[in-house]
Protein backbone atom coordinates (compact mmCIF):
# COMPACT_ATOMS: atom_id res chain seq x y z
CA MET A 1 0.00 0.00 0.00
CA PHE A 2 2.81 2.41 0.94
CA ALA A 3 6.29 2.81 -0.43
CA SER A 4 8.70 0.20 0.88
CA GLN A 5 11.27 2.89 1.69
CA PHE A 6 9.10 4.44 4.41
CA THR A 7 11.43 5.28 7.32
CA GLY A 8 8.74 6.03 9.88
CA TYR A 9 9.53 9.76 10.23
CA TRP A 10 9.23 12.88 8.12
CA ARG A 11 9.16 16.67 8.25
CA ASP A 12 5.81 18.33 8.88
CA GLY A 13 6.48 22.07 8.71
CA LYS A 14 8.34 23.04 11.89
CA ARG A 15 7.61 19.65 13.43
CA VAL A 16 8.94 16.13 13.24
CA ALA A 17 6.22 13.56 12.58
CA MET A 18 7.05 9.96 13.34
CA ASP A 19 5.63 6.52 13.87
CA ARG A 20 5.65 5.56 17.56
CA ASN A 21 7.98 2.67 16.73
CA ALA A 22 10.30 4.59 14.42
CA VAL A 23 13.96 5.22 15.28
CA LEU A 24 15.17 8.71 14.47
CA PRO A 25 18.50 9.01 12.63
CA ASP A 26 21.77 9.00 14.57
CA ARG A 27 22.15 12.75 14.29
CA CYS A 28 21.75 15.61 16.75
CA PHE A 29 18.13 16.65 17.11
CA LYS A 30 19.26 20.29 17.35
CA CYS A 31 22.09 20.79 14.86
CA ASN A 32 22.13 17.58 12.77
CA GLU A 33 25.76 16.81 13.67
CA PRO A 34 26.64 13.14 14.30
CA ALA A 35 25.31 11.86 17.64
CA ASP A 36 27.78 8.94 17.68
CA GLY A 37 25.17 6.56 19.02
CA TYR A 38 24.10 8.75 21.95
CA ARG A 39 20.36 8.62 22.62
CA ARG A 40 18.24 10.43 25.16
CA THR A 41 14.87 8.95 26.05
CA VAL A 42 12.17 11.59 26.42
CA LYS A 43 8.78 10.92 27.95
CA LEU A 44 6.13 13.07 26.29
CA THR A 45 2.63 14.05 27.32
CA HIS A 46 0.15 16.03 25.28
CA VAL A 47 -3.11 17.67 26.34
CA PRO A 48 -5.20 19.70 23.86
CA LEU A 49 -5.36 23.36 24.84
CA GLY A 50 -9.14 23.31 25.19
CA THR A 51 -9.02 20.38 27.59
CA GLU A 52 -6.29 22.02 29.66
CA MET A 53 -8.27 25.24 29.93
CA MET A 54 -11.35 23.36 31.12
CA VAL A 55 -9.85 21.04 33.72
CA GLY A 56 -6.38 22.48 34.31
CA ALA A 57 -3.34 20.45 35.30
CA ILE A 58 -5.49 17.45 36.23
CA ALA A 59 -5.86 16.72 32.51
CA TYR A 60 -2.20 15.69 32.35
CA ALA A 61 -2.88 12.71 34.59
CA PHE A 62 -5.10 11.20 31.88
CA ALA A 63 -3.32 12.51 28.77
CA LYS A 64 -1.84 10.47 25.95
CA GLN A 65 1.82 9.67 26.46
CA ALA A 66 4.69 8.50 24.31
CA LYS A 67 8.40 7.82 24.58
CA VAL A 68 10.90 8.78 21.91
CA GLU A 69 14.67 8.60 21.66
CA VAL A 70 16.50 11.57 20.19
CA GLY A 71 20.16 11.89 19.34
CA LEU A 72 22.33 14.69 20.69
CA CYS A 73 25.82 15.71 19.72
CA GLU A 74 28.46 16.18 22.39
CA ARG A 75 28.07 19.98 22.37
CA HIS A 76 24.32 19.92 23.03
CA ARG A 77 24.68 17.21 25.64
CA ARG A 78 27.22 19.31 27.53
CA SER A 79 25.43 22.65 27.21
CA ARG A 80 22.17 21.19 28.47
CA ALA A 81 23.81 19.68 31.53
CA ILE A 82 25.62 22.95 32.29
CA ASN A 83 22.39 24.92 31.96
CA ILE A 84 20.65 22.62 34.41
CA ALA A 85 23.49 22.85 36.92
CA LEU A 86 23.90 26.62 36.67
CA VAL A 87 20.21 27.43 36.96
CA SER A 88 19.76 25.04 39.87
CA LEU A 89 22.77 26.41 41.74
CA ALA A 90 21.73 30.01 41.07
CA VAL A 91 18.19 29.52 42.35
CA LEU A 92 19.24 27.53 45.40
CA GLY A 93 22.06 29.99 46.13
CA ALA A 94 19.63 32.90 45.97
CA SER A 95 17.26 31.09 48.33
CA ILE A 96 20.02 30.44 50.87
CA PHE A 97 21.14 34.07 50.60
CA VAL A 98 17.61 35.30 51.34
CA PHE A 99 17.27 33.14 54.42
CA THR A 100 20.71 33.87 55.87
CA GLN A 101 21.76 37.35 54.77
CA VAL A 102 18.82 39.58 53.90
CA GLN A 103 17.71 41.92 56.67
CA ALA A 104 14.03 42.45 55.91
CA THR A 105 11.13 44.22 57.57
CA ASP A 106 8.15 42.34 58.94
CA VAL A 107 6.23 43.10 55.76
CA VAL A 108 8.93 42.05 53.32
CA LEU A 109 10.26 38.99 55.15
CA PRO A 110 7.30 36.68 54.40
CA LEU A 111 7.53 37.55 50.71
CA LEU A 112 11.26 36.88 50.60
CA ALA A 113 10.89 33.66 52.56
CA THR A 114 8.17 32.47 50.20
CA ALA A 115 10.24 33.34 47.15
CA GLY A 116 13.15 31.45 48.63
CA LEU A 117 11.12 28.34 49.33
CA ILE A 118 9.49 28.30 45.92
CA GLY A 119 12.79 29.13 44.23
CA GLY A 120 14.53 26.28 45.98
CA VAL A 121 11.90 23.77 44.90
CA ILE A 122 11.97 25.07 41.33
CA GLY A 123 15.72 24.61 41.37
CA LEU A 124 15.34 21.02 42.51
CA LEU A 125 12.74 20.37 39.85
CA TYR A 126 14.93 21.91 37.20
CA ALA A 127 17.91 19.85 38.28
CA ALA A 128 15.87 16.64 38.40
CA VAL A 129 13.81 17.02 35.25
CA GLY A 130 15.93 19.40 33.21
CA THR A 131 15.10 21.75 30.40
CA ARG A 132 12.52 20.79 27.85
CA LEU A 133 14.44 19.21 25.00
CA VAL A 134 11.43 18.33 22.91
CA ARG A 135 7.68 18.56 23.35
CA ALA A 136 4.75 16.85 21.71
CA THR A 137 2.17 18.88 19.82
CA GLN A 138 0.03 15.86 18.98
CA ILE A 139 -0.04 12.22 20.03
CA THR A 140 -2.20 9.49 18.55
CA ASP A 141 -2.24 5.74 19.04
CA THR A 142 0.19 5.32 16.14
CA HIS A 143 2.08 8.59 15.62
CA VAL A 144 3.74 11.46 17.47
CA TRP A 145 4.43 15.04 16.34
CA LEU A 146 7.47 16.68 17.92
CA LYS A 147 8.43 20.33 18.36
CA GLY A 148 11.90 21.54 19.24
CA ALA A 149 14.05 20.14 16.45
CA GLY A 150 16.63 22.47 14.92
CA GLU A 151 16.25 23.61 11.32
CA PRO A 152 19.31 21.62 10.13
CA PHE A 153 17.78 18.42 11.47
CA LEU A 154 14.38 19.23 9.98
CA ALA A 155 15.96 19.94 6.60
CA SER A 156 17.54 16.48 6.58
CA LEU A 157 14.23 14.65 7.01
CA PRO A 158 12.25 13.20 4.12
CA ASP A 159 9.03 14.78 2.92
CA ALA A 160 5.67 13.60 4.16
CA PRO A 161 4.71 10.18 2.77
CA ALA A 162 1.60 9.48 0.77
CA VAL A 163 -1.45 8.78 2.88
CA GLY A 164 -3.86 5.91 2.49
CA ALA A 165 -7.57 5.90 1.98
CA GLY A 166 -9.37 8.18 4.40
CA GLY A 167 -6.17 10.04 5.26
CA THR A 168 -4.57 7.07 7.05
CA LEU A 169 -0.89 7.64 7.79
CA PRO A 170 1.59 4.85 7.08
CA THR A 171 2.92 2.78 9.96
CA LEU A 172 5.93 0.54 10.42
CA ASP A 173 5.68 -3.20 10.69
CA VAL A 174 6.69 -4.04 14.24
CA ALA A 175 8.02 -7.36 15.37
CA THR A 176 6.75 -8.94 18.55
CA ALA A 177 7.88 -6.78 21.42
CA THR A 178 10.36 -8.18 23.88
CA PRO A 179 9.54 -7.95 27.59
CA PRO A 180 10.88 -4.74 29.15
CA ASP A 181 13.98 -4.87 31.30
CA PRO A 182 12.79 -4.98 34.96
CA ALA A 183 15.55 -2.60 36.06
CA VAL A 184 14.63 -0.09 33.37
CA ALA A 185 10.93 -0.40 34.24
CA ALA A 186 11.67 0.11 37.95
CA ASN A 187 13.73 3.23 37.26
CA ALA A 188 11.05 4.63 34.96
CA ALA A 189 8.37 4.01 37.58
CA PHE A 190 10.52 5.70 40.22
CA ARG A 191 11.03 8.76 38.02
CA ASP A 192 7.29 8.98 37.46
CA ALA A 193 6.62 8.74 41.20
CA ARG A 194 9.40 11.23 41.99
CA ASN A 195 8.10 13.79 39.51
CA GLY A 196 4.61 13.37 40.95
CA ALA A 197 5.98 13.86 44.47
CA LEU A 198 7.82 17.01 43.36
CA ALA A 199 4.66 18.42 41.76
CA PHE A 200 2.80 17.69 45.01
CA LEU A 201 5.56 19.42 46.98
CA VAL A 202 5.48 22.49 44.74
CA GLY A 203 1.71 22.77 45.16
CA CYS A 204 1.99 22.49 48.93
CA ILE A 205 4.82 25.03 49.14
CA VAL A 206 3.00 27.53 46.91
CA THR A 207 -0.02 27.17 49.21
CA PHE A 208 2.22 27.47 52.27
CA GLY A 209 3.97 30.57 50.92
CA SER A 210 0.79 32.38 49.94
CA TYR A 211 -0.76 31.56 53.32
CA ALA A 212 2.29 32.86 55.19
CA LEU A 213 2.22 36.06 53.13
CA LEU A 214 -1.54 36.69 52.99
CA PRO A 215 -3.33 34.32 55.39
CA SER A 216 -6.73 35.84 54.67
CA ARG A 217 -6.40 35.59 50.87
CA TYR A 218 -4.13 32.64 50.24
CA VAL A 219 -4.04 30.46 47.14
CA ILE A 220 -4.48 26.69 47.23
CA ALA A 221 -2.55 25.16 44.32
CA TRP A 222 -5.09 22.40 43.77
CA GLY A 223 -3.90 21.61 40.25
CA ALA A 224 -0.31 20.82 41.21
CA VAL A 225 -1.34 18.96 44.37
CA ILE A 226 -3.93 16.72 42.71
CA TYR A 227 -1.86 16.13 39.58
CA GLY A 228 1.17 15.30 41.71
CA LEU A 229 -0.78 12.87 43.89
CA ILE A 230 -2.28 11.08 40.90
CA ARG A 231 1.10 10.72 39.24
CA LEU A 232 2.72 9.73 42.53
CA VAL A 233 0.19 6.99 43.22
CA ARG A 234 0.43 5.70 39.68
CA GLY A 235 4.23 5.71 39.78
CA VAL A 236 4.43 4.06 43.20
CA GLY A 237 1.99 1.39 42.05
CA ALA A 238 4.19 0.56 39.07
CA TYR A 239 7.32 0.76 41.21
CA LEU A 240 5.98 -1.76 43.72
CA LYS A 241 5.28 -4.21 40.91
CA ALA A 242 8.96 -4.27 39.97
CA PRO A 243 11.06 -7.10 41.45
CA ALA A 244 12.42 -6.26 44.91
CA GLU A 245 16.03 -6.51 43.76
CA HIS A 246 15.48 -3.57 41.41
CA ARG A 247 13.95 -1.30 44.06
CA LYS A 248 16.52 0.80 45.93
CA MET A 249 16.30 2.02 49.50
CA GLY A 250 17.65 5.43 48.49
CA GLN A 251 14.80 5.90 46.04
CA ALA A 252 12.21 5.05 48.67
CA VAL A 253 13.82 7.45 51.16
CA MET A 254 13.79 10.22 48.56
CA LEU A 255 10.08 9.73 47.87
CA VAL A 256 9.27 9.69 51.58
CA ALA A 257 11.33 12.86 52.14
CA ILE A 258 9.69 14.77 49.29
CA VAL A 259 6.16 13.72 50.22
CA GLY A 260 6.91 14.34 53.90
CA ALA A 261 8.04 17.89 53.14
CA GLY A 262 4.85 18.48 51.17
CA ILE A 263 2.69 17.06 53.94
CA PHE A 264 4.51 19.23 56.49
CA ALA A 265 3.92 22.40 54.44
CA GLY A 266 0.31 21.50 53.66
CA GLY A 267 -0.32 20.32 57.21
CA TRP A 268 0.92 23.62 58.59
CA VAL A 269 -1.62 25.45 56.45
CA VAL A 270 -4.42 23.07 57.44
CA THR A 271 -3.54 23.31 61.14
CA ASN A 272 -3.46 27.10 61.05
CA GLU A 273 -6.68 27.27 59.07
CA VAL A 274 -8.49 24.96 61.49
CA THR A 275 -7.19 27.05 64.38
CA ALA A 276 -8.34 30.24 62.66
CA VAL A 277 -11.82 28.83 62.03
CA THR A 278 -12.06 27.63 65.63
CA GLN A 279 -10.98 31.04 66.89
CA ALA A 280 -13.50 32.75 64.62
CA ASN A 281 -16.33 30.56 65.91
CA GLU A 282 -15.33 31.12 69.53
CA PHE A 283 -15.03 34.86 68.95
CA ASP A 284 -18.46 34.99 67.31
CA SER A 285 -19.92 33.21 70.33
CA ALA A 286 -18.15 35.62 72.70
CA LEU A 287 -19.45 38.61 70.73
CA THR A 288 -23.00 37.29 70.96
CA THR A 289 -22.79 36.71 74.71
CA ALA A 290 -21.10 40.07 75.34
CA GLY A 291 -23.66 41.77 73.13
CA ASP A 292 -26.50 40.40 75.25
CA PHE A 293 -24.88 41.76 78.43
CA GLN A 294 -24.21 45.11 76.75
CA ILE A 295 -27.83 45.44 75.63
CA GLN A 296 -29.06 44.69 79.16
CA GLY A 297 -26.75 47.32 80.63
CA ALA A 298 -27.59 49.95 78.00
CA ARG A 299 -31.34 49.49 78.46
CA LEU A 300 -31.13 49.75 82.23
CA PHE A 301 -28.89 52.83 81.98
CA ARG A 302 -31.40 54.49 79.67
CA ASP A 303 -34.27 53.66 82.04
CA VAL A 304 -32.42 55.17 85.00
CA MET A 305 -31.55 58.34 83.12
CA ASN A 306 -35.20 58.82 82.08
CA ARG A 307 -36.39 58.84 85.70
CA ASP A 308 -36.99 62.02 87.68
CA GLY A 309 -34.62 62.82 90.51
CA TRP A 310 -32.14 60.37 92.02
CA SER A 311 -32.83 57.65 94.55
CA ALA A 312 -31.17 54.70 96.23
CA GLN A 313 -32.84 52.47 93.64
CA ASP A 314 -31.13 54.44 90.88
CA SER A 315 -27.76 53.84 92.52
CA ALA A 316 -28.53 50.12 92.88
CA ASP A 317 -29.56 49.93 89.22
CA MET A 318 -26.33 51.64 88.18
CA ARG A 319 -24.40 48.94 90.01
CA GLN A 320 -26.36 46.43 87.92
CA VAL A 321 -25.41 48.39 84.79
CA ALA A 322 -21.76 48.15 85.83
CA SER A 323 -22.16 44.42 86.43
CA SER A 324 -23.64 43.84 82.95
CA TYR A 325 -20.88 45.77 81.20
CA GLY A 326 -18.27 44.07 83.37
CA LYS A 327 -19.54 40.64 82.32
CA ALA A 328 -19.45 41.72 78.66
CA ALA A 329 -15.85 42.90 79.02
CA ASP A 330 -14.79 39.72 80.84
CA VAL A 331 -16.30 37.45 78.17
CA LEU A 332 -14.48 39.27 75.39
CA ALA A 333 -11.19 39.55 77.27
CA ALA A 334 -11.17 35.78 77.79
CA SER A 335 -11.91 35.05 74.11
CA SER A 336 -9.27 34.30 71.46
CA ALA A 337 -9.98 36.56 68.51
CA PRO A 338 -8.55 36.02 65.01
CA ALA A 339 -5.54 38.24 64.38
CA GLU A 340 -7.45 40.52 62.01
CA TYR A 341 -10.09 41.20 64.71
CA ALA A 342 -7.87 41.51 67.79
CA TRP A 343 -8.04 45.31 67.61
CA TYR A 344 -11.85 45.17 67.64
CA ARG A 345 -11.97 42.86 70.66
CA ASP A 346 -9.49 45.01 72.58
CA GLY A 347 -11.42 48.16 71.68
CA LEU A 348 -14.69 46.66 72.93
CA VAL A 349 -13.07 45.54 76.18
CA ARG A 350 -11.71 49.03 76.84
CA ASN A 351 -15.05 50.60 75.99
CA TYR A 352 -17.00 48.28 78.26
CA ARG A 353 -14.50 48.81 81.10
CA GLU A 354 -15.07 52.53 80.70
CA ALA A 355 -18.82 51.91 80.99
CA VAL A 356 -18.20 50.00 84.23
CA ASP A 357 -16.21 52.93 85.68
CA ILE A 358 -18.86 55.48 84.73
CA ALA A 359 -21.73 53.36 86.05
CA MET A 360 -19.94 52.80 89.36
CA LEU A 361 -19.39 56.54 89.73
CA PHE A 362 -23.11 57.06 89.09
CA SER A 363 -23.92 54.47 91.77
CA ASN A 364 -22.02 56.53 94.34
CA LEU A 365 -24.11 59.65 93.71
CA THR A 366 -27.02 60.75 95.86
CA SER A 367 -29.84 63.21 95.48
CA ALA A 368 -27.58 65.78 97.12
CA SER A 369 -24.87 65.47 94.45
CA SER A 370 -24.31 68.55 92.29
CA GLN A 371 -25.77 68.82 88.81
CA SER A 372 -22.29 69.45 87.41
CA THR A 373 -21.21 66.01 88.66
CA PHE A 374 -24.15 64.39 86.89
CA ASP A 375 -23.42 66.38 83.72
CA ALA A 376 -19.75 65.37 83.71
CA LEU A 377 -20.60 61.66 83.97
CA ILE A 378 -23.29 61.97 81.28
CA ALA A 379 -20.72 63.63 79.00
CA ARG A 380 -18.27 60.76 79.62
CA TRP A 381 -20.99 58.26 78.79
CA SER A 382 -21.87 60.10 75.57
CA THR A 383 -18.21 60.13 74.55
CA ARG A 384 -17.97 56.39 75.25
CA VAL A 385 -21.06 55.72 73.12
CA LYS A 386 -19.55 57.79 70.31
CA ASP A 387 -16.29 55.83 70.55
CA LEU A 388 -18.24 52.57 70.38
CA SER A 389 -20.01 53.77 67.24
CA GLN A 390 -16.69 54.69 65.62
CA LEU A 391 -15.31 51.27 66.52
CA GLN A 392 -18.25 49.62 64.78
CA THR A 393 -17.83 51.86 61.73
CA LYS A 394 -14.18 50.84 61.46
CA LEU A 395 -15.20 47.19 61.67
CA ASP A 396 -17.79 47.60 58.93
CA ALA A 397 -15.17 49.23 56.68
CA GLN A 398 -12.70 46.37 57.14
CA PRO A 399 -12.69 43.93 54.18
CA THR A 400 -14.18 40.57 55.04
CA PRO A 401 -11.46 37.90 54.92
CA THR A 402 -11.82 35.43 52.05
CA ARG A 403 -10.46 31.93 52.43
C-alpha cells in the first residue's frame, strides 16, 4: 500500500512527525551533527489546549503519552547539563542568601521567605527534570508530532509520505515486542513517582507561601497537588510491581522525604486554618454573649436616666449596669480573637471597662450630688457611646477575609 522505503519519520512544517515505533537518525536533534550513538529517552505528554483550559493540570494525569529517543551531539549534551546545573545552583544559592543574609522588615520577610522556598523547589525540579528538549504537539495511538528540532535536522528529514484511503498515515511493521527490562521499568516508575511527588511538593509550598504572606487571601494550588498525587500513586503502584532486587532504599527514602516535606507544608496550612476557624467561631460566640450583656446594661442605663430625681434604687440599678458591662468585658477579654479582629476585641473591652467605671461613679451619687457632677458623667458616657459607634464603623469598613 505504501512505499517500501518508508522510514517512519518525516518533516511536517516546523515539526517532526514519526511513527511511535520509528527510530530517528543517529544525528543531533538540534544541529544535525553526528550523535555517535548517543540517545536520550524523552517521555512526552500532550493535552489539547481546550481540555487544559477546562480542567487544568489534572488533565495531564489522563493525557496520551509517548516515549521517543533523540540523538544529541556532544556539544548539546554538555550545554544542556551545564544549563541545568547553573540554573539550579543560582536559584538555590539565591534562596540560601535570602534566608541567611537579607535583613528584611516584617512586611517584606514573608515575601522573601516564600520566594526562597518556591525558588529552591523550582531549582530542585529543574535539576531533576531538566530543560525541555522536545515537546509533543500531537499524540495518537500510532504517531507522534514533535516540536523543538533544529532547522538543520528538519531539513535532513524526508518529505511527508503518501497517505492511504481516508487520510490514514503509514505505519511501520513491528516485530513482537520483547519484555521490558525490569531494572529499566523500575527506574522509569521511580522517576514517574518522583516527579509526581515534586509536583505535590510544589503545590503544597505555593499554598504554604501564599498563606504565610496573605493568610486571609491565600491560594491553594489544587492543580499541582492533585496532579502530583495522581502521578505519585500511579508511579508508586508501578514501582511496587517491579522485582524487589530492582527497588533501591535510596529511592524510597527520597520519595518519603519529598512527600513528607509536602505534607509538612500543607499540614501547617491546614492546622493554622483549622485554628483560625475555631478562633473565629469562639469569637463569634463571645461577641454574641457580650452583646447580650451590653444590651441589658444599655437598656437599664437608659431607664435610669429617664427617671426624675435620684434615689437609692437608681444607685442600685447603676451597680447592675456596671455588672452587665463588666460581664461583657470579661467574656471578650477571655476570648481568642482572630488576628485581624484583635483590635476590635481590645477596643470593645476598653469601651465596656469605661462603661463600668462610669456606672460605678453614678452608683455613688445621691440626690444631694451637684448637677455638674451628673453632667460630667453623662458627658463621659456620651463620649464612650460615640467611641463605640466609631469602633463599629471601622469594623464595617474592614474587608471581610476570604479563604
